[in-house]
């Protein structure tokens, strides 16, 4: 880009309030120039410059939800798609560069930025997100660890009447419902190709990282609309992927970064630091998680056998001792009777 172009871009960025809603070029140039915050601001300004829809909220229209539609929102849909995609890409680049632990305020801003585009389509345009916006939004949140959220969005969509037309392969009904692809459409992909792209995201970007390989294979085996070529490609990719453990999902709980001097200055009553006190606890947790080895099993068996032998020996000793005491008691009684007979004028 020439120096004149940079000056024009910088001037436009510094005067965002005067930008025209249909001018996507400046936002695109800011994104390519890696001025992500400026690109986001330009995109937000462009989105809010689009006239607000006067339609009533319709639950059947899936307002604010993902969809496979090639276009939405009539004549304003094309500008909305462009600004929405720029916003998502700029937001992702900013969030992907966060290296520190987020503060409570940063985490709240992160969560709000995730749902900004869905809320925009819900309240401003009162329509579902078209296919291109849906795919870009899904891949962005999945790349940042929001696997469960992405899974929930896709599964909720697959339960709608619109999605059932795709799942059952009623392509003529889909074309009749959406209308033909025109210059205002966000994509030129066929309904079958759009559906295959969504299932690929579900299987490869969500179910596999979550450790649900069997679920992904089961879904592919029962699907009738994705097409044999696409299904085989996804199936081979899953089979060739190494076995991975379930991926930890990004936690939305606020996490605050501790100051370094807190751990160094705080001491217990016995003069031990927190690190010294916590270390044995961590070791105990590790010991509790260790599996039982063969040596431990042998020791346990020998201990049980030893206890049984000791108990048996004790029991027989007790029986023999009891017989001895009975014999002594019997002799004492006989001797007592003998003395009693002599005192009564017996032999003597």
Protein backbone atom coordinates (compact mmCIF):
# COMPACT_ATOMS: atom_id res chain seq x y z
CA UNK A 1 0.00 0.00 0.00
CA UNK A 2 1.34 3.45 -0.91
CA UNK A 3 2.08 6.18 1.64
CA UNK A 4 -0.88 8.17 0.29
CA UNK A 5 -3.14 5.19 0.88
CA UNK A 6 -1.82 4.86 4.43
CA UNK A 7 -2.53 8.53 5.11
CA UNK A 8 -6.07 8.18 3.80
CA UNK A 9 -6.61 5.09 5.93
CA UNK A 10 -5.19 6.74 9.04
CA UNK A 11 -7.39 9.79 8.48
CA UNK A 12 -10.47 7.65 8.05
CA UNK A 13 -9.65 5.64 11.18
CA UNK A 14 -9.28 8.81 13.22
CA UNK A 15 -12.68 10.00 11.94
CA UNK A 16 -14.75 6.87 12.31
CA UNK A 17 -17.94 8.80 13.02
CA UNK A 18 -17.98 10.16 9.47
CA UNK A 19 -17.66 6.83 7.66
CA UNK A 20 -20.35 5.68 5.27
CA UNK A 21 -22.12 2.42 6.08
CA UNK A 22 -21.65 0.98 2.57
CA UNK A 23 -17.91 1.63 2.51
CA UNK A 24 -16.33 -1.70 3.50
CA UNK A 25 -12.98 -0.96 1.88
CA UNK A 26 -11.55 1.07 4.78
CA UNK A 27 -12.46 -1.61 7.31
CA UNK A 28 -10.89 -4.25 5.05
CA UNK A 29 -7.71 -2.19 4.63
CA UNK A 30 -7.45 -1.70 8.39
CA UNK A 31 -7.75 -5.46 8.85
CA UNK A 32 -5.08 -6.16 6.23
CA UNK A 33 -2.85 -3.53 7.82
CA UNK A 34 -3.22 -5.39 11.14
CA UNK A 35 -4.93 -2.48 12.82
CA UNK A 36 -7.41 -4.86 14.37
CA UNK A 37 -8.94 -2.51 16.94
CA UNK A 38 -9.52 0.10 14.24
CA UNK A 39 -11.02 -2.55 11.94
CA UNK A 40 -13.42 -3.59 14.71
CA UNK A 41 -14.49 0.00 15.32
CA UNK A 42 -15.04 0.58 11.62
CA UNK A 43 -17.04 -2.63 11.34
CA UNK A 44 -19.21 -1.74 14.35
CA UNK A 45 -19.86 1.71 12.90
CA UNK A 46 -20.81 0.17 9.58
CA UNK A 47 -23.11 -2.39 11.19
CA UNK A 48 -25.01 0.23 13.16
CA UNK A 49 -25.31 2.43 10.06
CA UNK A 50 -27.42 -0.24 8.37
CA UNK A 51 -31.14 0.54 8.81
CA UNK A 52 -32.77 -1.39 11.64
CA UNK A 53 -35.33 -3.99 10.65
CA UNK A 54 -38.96 -3.23 11.51
CA UNK A 55 -40.00 -6.88 11.43
CA UNK A 56 -41.33 -8.47 14.59
CA UNK A 57 -39.28 -11.13 16.33
CA UNK A 58 -40.24 -14.55 15.01
CA UNK A 59 -39.05 -17.64 16.86
CA UNK A 60 -39.37 -19.67 13.64
CA UNK A 61 -36.96 -17.30 11.89
CA UNK A 62 -34.12 -18.27 14.30
CA UNK A 63 -33.16 -14.65 14.93
CA UNK A 64 -29.55 -14.41 16.08
CA UNK A 65 -28.86 -18.11 15.44
CA UNK A 66 -26.62 -19.84 12.92
CA UNK A 67 -28.10 -21.02 9.65
CA UNK A 68 -27.20 -22.40 6.24
CA UNK A 69 -29.01 -19.67 4.30
CA UNK A 70 -27.03 -18.10 1.49
CA UNK A 71 -28.39 -14.64 2.33
CA UNK A 72 -30.65 -12.84 4.81
CA UNK A 73 -31.96 -9.35 5.54
CA UNK A 74 -32.93 -8.42 1.99
CA UNK A 75 -30.99 -5.61 0.28
CA UNK A 76 -28.95 -4.83 3.44
CA UNK A 77 -27.77 -8.36 3.95
CA UNK A 78 -24.65 -8.08 1.80
CA UNK A 79 -23.22 -5.07 3.69
CA UNK A 80 -24.06 -6.68 7.02
CA UNK A 81 -22.21 -9.86 6.05
CA UNK A 82 -19.09 -7.96 5.04
CA UNK A 83 -18.94 -5.87 8.22
CA UNK A 84 -19.77 -8.89 10.42
CA UNK A 85 -16.98 -11.01 8.91
CA UNK A 86 -14.45 -8.17 9.30
CA UNK A 87 -15.50 -7.68 12.93
CA UNK A 88 -15.15 -11.40 13.74
CA UNK A 89 -11.75 -11.70 12.06
CA UNK A 90 -10.37 -8.58 13.76
CA UNK A 91 -11.75 -9.68 17.15
CA UNK A 92 -10.22 -13.13 16.75
CA UNK A 93 -6.80 -11.72 15.89
CA UNK A 94 -6.89 -9.53 19.01
CA UNK A 95 -8.06 -12.31 21.33
CA UNK A 96 -5.63 -14.83 19.88
CA UNK A 97 -2.75 -12.56 20.90
CA UNK A 98 -3.75 -12.34 24.58
CA UNK A 99 -0.87 -14.01 26.43
CA UNK A 100 -1.69 -13.08 30.03
CA UNK A 101 -4.39 -14.39 32.34
CA UNK A 102 -7.53 -12.36 31.81
CA UNK A 103 -8.83 -10.08 34.53
CA UNK A 104 -12.52 -10.07 35.41
CA UNK A 105 -13.11 -7.00 33.23
CA UNK A 106 -11.24 -8.48 30.26
CA UNK A 107 -13.10 -11.75 30.60
CA UNK A 108 -16.45 -9.97 30.61
CA UNK A 109 -15.45 -8.02 27.48
CA UNK A 110 -14.37 -11.29 25.86
CA UNK A 111 -17.74 -12.92 26.55
CA UNK A 112 -19.63 -9.87 25.26
CA UNK A 113 -17.54 -9.77 22.07
CA UNK A 114 -18.40 -13.42 21.37
CA UNK A 115 -22.14 -12.76 21.32
CA UNK A 116 -21.98 -9.32 19.69
CA UNK A 117 -22.70 -10.56 16.15
CA UNK A 118 -25.51 -12.98 17.19
CA UNK A 119 -27.12 -10.21 19.24
CA UNK A 120 -26.77 -7.81 16.31
CA UNK A 121 -28.67 -10.16 14.01
CA UNK A 122 -31.22 -10.75 16.78
CA UNK A 123 -32.04 -7.14 17.74
CA UNK A 124 -30.94 -5.04 14.75
CA UNK A 125 -31.70 -7.16 11.70
CA UNK A 126 -34.04 -9.67 13.40
CA UNK A 127 -32.81 -12.52 11.28
CA UNK A 128 -30.64 -15.59 11.46
CA UNK A 129 -26.95 -15.28 10.63
CA UNK A 130 -26.31 -16.33 7.02
CA UNK A 131 -24.03 -19.24 6.22
CA UNK A 132 -20.80 -17.27 5.73
CA UNK A 133 -21.18 -15.35 9.02
CA UNK A 134 -22.21 -18.54 10.82
CA UNK A 135 -19.15 -20.48 9.66
CA UNK A 136 -16.66 -17.68 10.40
CA UNK A 137 -18.20 -17.11 13.83
CA UNK A 138 -18.23 -20.82 14.68
CA UNK A 139 -14.63 -21.42 13.64
CA UNK A 140 -13.47 -18.37 15.60
CA UNK A 141 -15.07 -19.35 18.91
CA UNK A 142 -13.97 -22.97 18.46
CA UNK A 143 -10.37 -21.87 17.90
CA UNK A 144 -10.54 -20.01 21.22
CA UNK A 145 -11.78 -23.10 23.09
CA UNK A 146 -15.56 -22.58 23.11
CA UNK A 147 -16.27 -26.15 22.02
CA UNK A 148 -19.38 -26.78 24.06
CA UNK A 149 -20.92 -23.49 22.93
CA UNK A 150 -20.27 -24.35 19.28
CA UNK A 151 -21.65 -27.86 19.74
CA UNK A 152 -24.80 -26.49 21.35
CA UNK A 153 -25.38 -24.00 18.53
CA UNK A 154 -25.04 -26.65 15.80
CA UNK A 155 -27.19 -29.25 17.58
CA UNK A 156 -29.90 -26.66 18.26
CA UNK A 157 -29.90 -25.74 14.58
CA UNK A 158 -30.11 -29.37 13.45
CA UNK A 159 -33.33 -29.70 15.45
CA UNK A 160 -35.10 -26.94 13.48
CA UNK A 161 -37.53 -27.48 10.62
CA UNK A 162 -35.16 -25.68 8.24
CA UNK A 163 -32.26 -27.99 9.07
CA UNK A 164 -34.41 -31.09 8.63
CA UNK A 165 -34.83 -30.17 4.96
CA UNK A 166 -31.04 -30.31 4.62
CA UNK A 167 -30.68 -33.48 6.69
CA UNK A 168 -33.29 -35.31 4.58
CA UNK A 169 -31.86 -34.08 1.27
CA UNK A 170 -34.94 -32.12 0.14
CA UNK A 171 -32.88 -29.75 -1.99
CA UNK A 172 -35.79 -28.54 -4.11
CA UNK A 173 -37.66 -27.56 -0.95
CA UNK A 174 -34.55 -25.76 0.31
CA UNK A 175 -34.22 -23.76 -2.93
CA UNK A 176 -37.90 -22.89 -2.83
CA UNK A 177 -37.60 -21.74 0.80
CA UNK A 178 -34.43 -19.65 0.34
CA UNK A 179 -34.77 -18.51 -3.22
CA UNK A 180 -32.13 -18.61 -5.95
CA UNK A 181 -28.52 -17.58 -5.37
CA UNK A 182 -27.97 -14.03 -6.63
CA UNK A 183 -25.26 -11.36 -6.56
CA UNK A 184 -26.43 -10.37 -3.05
CA UNK A 185 -25.84 -13.88 -1.71
CA UNK A 186 -22.98 -14.28 0.74
CA UNK A 187 -21.82 -17.54 -0.89
CA UNK A 188 -22.36 -19.41 -4.13
CA UNK A 189 -22.14 -22.89 -2.61
CA UNK A 190 -25.00 -25.28 -3.18
CA UNK A 191 -27.23 -26.26 -0.23
CA UNK A 192 -25.63 -29.73 -0.18
CA UNK A 193 -22.12 -28.24 0.00
CA UNK A 194 -23.14 -25.85 2.80
CA UNK A 195 -24.62 -28.68 4.81
CA UNK A 196 -21.47 -30.77 4.30
CA UNK A 197 -19.33 -27.89 5.56
CA UNK A 198 -21.39 -27.64 8.76
CA UNK A 199 -21.14 -31.39 9.44
CA UNK A 200 -17.40 -31.27 8.83
CA UNK A 201 -17.08 -28.54 11.47
CA UNK A 202 -19.19 -30.58 13.89
CA UNK A 203 -17.16 -33.77 13.44
CA UNK A 204 -13.59 -32.51 13.02
CA UNK A 205 -13.59 -29.26 14.98
CA UNK A 206 -15.89 -30.19 17.87
CA UNK A 207 -16.54 -33.91 18.43
CA UNK A 208 -12.96 -35.09 17.84
CA UNK A 209 -11.33 -32.48 20.14
CA UNK A 210 -13.95 -33.36 22.77
CA UNK A 211 -12.94 -37.03 22.56
CA UNK A 212 -16.26 -38.11 20.99
CA UNK A 213 -14.86 -40.00 18.01
CA UNK A 214 -17.49 -42.74 18.21
CA UNK A 215 -20.27 -40.13 18.13
CA UNK A 216 -18.79 -38.55 15.00
CA UNK A 217 -18.52 -41.90 13.22
CA UNK A 218 -22.03 -42.86 14.27
CA UNK A 219 -23.43 -39.61 12.89
CA UNK A 220 -21.63 -40.07 9.58
CA UNK A 221 -22.91 -43.63 9.23
CA UNK A 222 -26.55 -42.53 9.61
CA UNK A 223 -26.43 -39.32 7.55
CA UNK A 224 -28.08 -39.54 4.14
CA UNK A 225 -27.56 -36.05 2.72
CA UNK A 226 -23.91 -35.17 3.03
CA UNK A 227 -22.88 -37.11 -0.06
CA UNK A 228 -20.61 -40.15 -0.37
CA UNK A 229 -17.53 -38.18 -1.47
CA UNK A 230 -17.71 -35.70 1.42
CA UNK A 231 -18.60 -38.42 3.91
CA UNK A 232 -15.66 -40.59 2.83
CA UNK A 233 -13.25 -37.63 3.10
CA UNK A 234 -14.40 -36.85 6.65
CA UNK A 235 -14.34 -40.53 7.60
CA UNK A 236 -10.77 -40.99 6.36
CA UNK A 237 -9.67 -37.85 8.19
CA UNK A 238 -11.13 -39.14 11.45
CA UNK A 239 -9.54 -42.58 11.03
CA UNK A 240 -6.11 -41.12 10.27
CA UNK A 241 -6.18 -38.74 13.21
CA UNK A 242 -4.25 -39.90 16.30
CA UNK A 243 -6.18 -40.80 19.42
CA UNK A 244 -6.45 -37.67 21.53
CA UNK A 245 -7.68 -37.03 25.03
CA UNK A 246 -10.77 -34.87 25.58
CA UNK A 247 -9.80 -31.25 25.20
CA UNK A 248 -10.25 -28.91 28.14
CA UNK A 249 -13.00 -26.46 27.41
CA UNK A 250 -12.36 -22.76 27.96
CA UNK A 251 -13.72 -21.78 31.35
CA UNK A 252 -15.88 -18.68 31.54
CA UNK A 253 -15.28 -18.25 35.29
CA UNK A 254 -13.33 -15.06 36.12
CA UNK A 255 -9.64 -15.74 36.70
CA UNK A 256 -7.54 -13.05 38.29
CA UNK A 257 -3.76 -12.92 38.06
CA UNK A 258 -2.07 -12.88 41.47
CA UNK A 259 0.68 -10.44 42.27
CA UNK A 260 4.10 -11.98 42.55
CA UNK A 261 4.88 -10.57 45.98
CA UNK A 262 1.77 -12.11 47.55
CA UNK A 263 3.15 -15.64 47.47
CA UNK A 264 6.55 -14.45 48.69
CA UNK A 265 5.38 -12.34 51.64
CA UNK A 266 2.49 -14.38 53.05
CA UNK A 267 3.71 -16.91 55.68
CA UNK A 268 1.95 -19.34 57.95
CA UNK A 269 2.01 -19.30 61.76
CA UNK A 270 4.88 -21.80 61.75
CA UNK A 271 7.00 -19.64 59.48
CA UNK A 272 6.44 -21.74 56.34
CA UNK A 273 5.54 -20.11 53.05
CA UNK A 274 2.41 -21.00 51.12
CA UNK A 275 4.46 -22.90 48.55
CA UNK A 276 5.98 -25.09 51.29
CA UNK A 277 2.57 -25.80 52.76
CA UNK A 278 0.86 -26.53 49.45
CA UNK A 279 3.57 -28.81 48.09
CA UNK A 280 2.69 -31.86 50.27
CA UNK A 281 -0.98 -31.43 49.36
CA UNK A 282 -0.13 -31.60 45.68
CA UNK A 283 2.02 -34.71 46.32
CA UNK A 284 -0.86 -36.38 48.19
CA UNK A 285 -3.19 -35.66 45.30
CA UNK A 286 -0.71 -37.21 42.88
CA UNK A 287 -0.37 -40.30 45.08
CA UNK A 288 -4.14 -40.70 45.24
CA UNK A 289 -4.39 -40.65 41.48
CA UNK A 290 -1.70 -43.33 40.94
CA UNK A 291 -3.05 -46.76 39.86
CA UNK A 292 -2.51 -49.89 42.00
CA UNK A 293 0.63 -51.76 40.89
CA UNK A 294 1.31 -55.51 40.86
CA UNK A 295 3.59 -55.14 43.90
CA UNK A 296 0.75 -53.54 45.87
CA UNK A 297 -1.53 -56.46 44.94
CA UNK A 298 1.04 -59.03 46.10
CA UNK A 299 1.53 -57.24 49.41
CA UNK A 300 -2.23 -57.10 49.95
CA UNK A 301 -2.67 -60.84 49.25
CA UNK A 302 0.23 -61.83 51.54
CA UNK A 303 -1.18 -59.64 54.28
CA UNK A 304 -4.58 -61.33 54.06
CA UNK A 305 -3.00 -64.80 54.12
CA UNK A 306 -0.83 -63.87 57.11
CA UNK A 307 -3.80 -62.58 59.07
CA UNK A 308 -5.67 -65.84 58.34
CA UNK A 309 -2.79 -67.99 59.56
CA UNK A 310 -2.40 -66.01 62.77
CA UNK A 311 -6.15 -66.22 63.43
CA UNK A 312 -6.12 -70.03 62.92
CA UNK A 313 -3.16 -70.59 65.23
CA UNK A 314 -4.78 -68.44 67.87
CA UNK A 315 -8.04 -70.34 67.62
CA UNK A 316 -6.37 -73.77 68.06
CA UNK A 317 -4.30 -72.47 70.95
CA UNK A 318 -7.45 -71.20 72.59
CA UNK A 319 -9.12 -74.62 72.18
CA UNK A 320 -6.14 -76.46 73.69
CA UNK A 321 -5.96 -74.00 76.56
CA UNK A 322 -9.63 -74.50 77.25
CA UNK A 323 -9.22 -78.32 77.39
CA UNK A 324 -6.31 -77.95 79.81
CA UNK A 325 -8.32 -75.69 82.10
CA UNK A 326 -11.25 -78.15 82.08
CA UNK A 327 -8.92 -80.98 83.17
CA UNK A 328 -7.44 -78.95 86.03
CA UNK A 329 -10.90 -77.90 87.17
CA UNK A 330 -12.08 -81.54 87.18
CA UNK A 331 -9.06 -82.64 89.27
CA UNK A 332 -9.66 -79.90 91.82
CA UNK A 333 -13.27 -80.96 92.22
CA UNK A 334 -12.29 -84.61 92.77
CA UNK A 335 -9.66 -83.65 95.34
CA UNK A 336 -12.22 -81.50 97.18
CA UNK A 337 -14.67 -84.38 97.33
CA UNK A 338 -11.91 -86.67 98.69
CA UNK A 339 -11.13 -84.25 101.51
CA UNK A 340 -14.79 -83.90 102.37
CA UNK A 341 -15.14 -87.70 102.67
CA UNK A 342 -12.13 -87.97 105.03
CA UNK A 343 -13.51 -85.25 107.31
CA UNK A 344 -16.79 -87.17 107.60
CA UNK A 345 -15.12 -90.29 109.05
CA UNK A 346 -14.10 -92.16 106.04
CA UNK A 347 -10.91 -94.25 105.71
CA UNK A 348 -9.09 -92.56 108.58
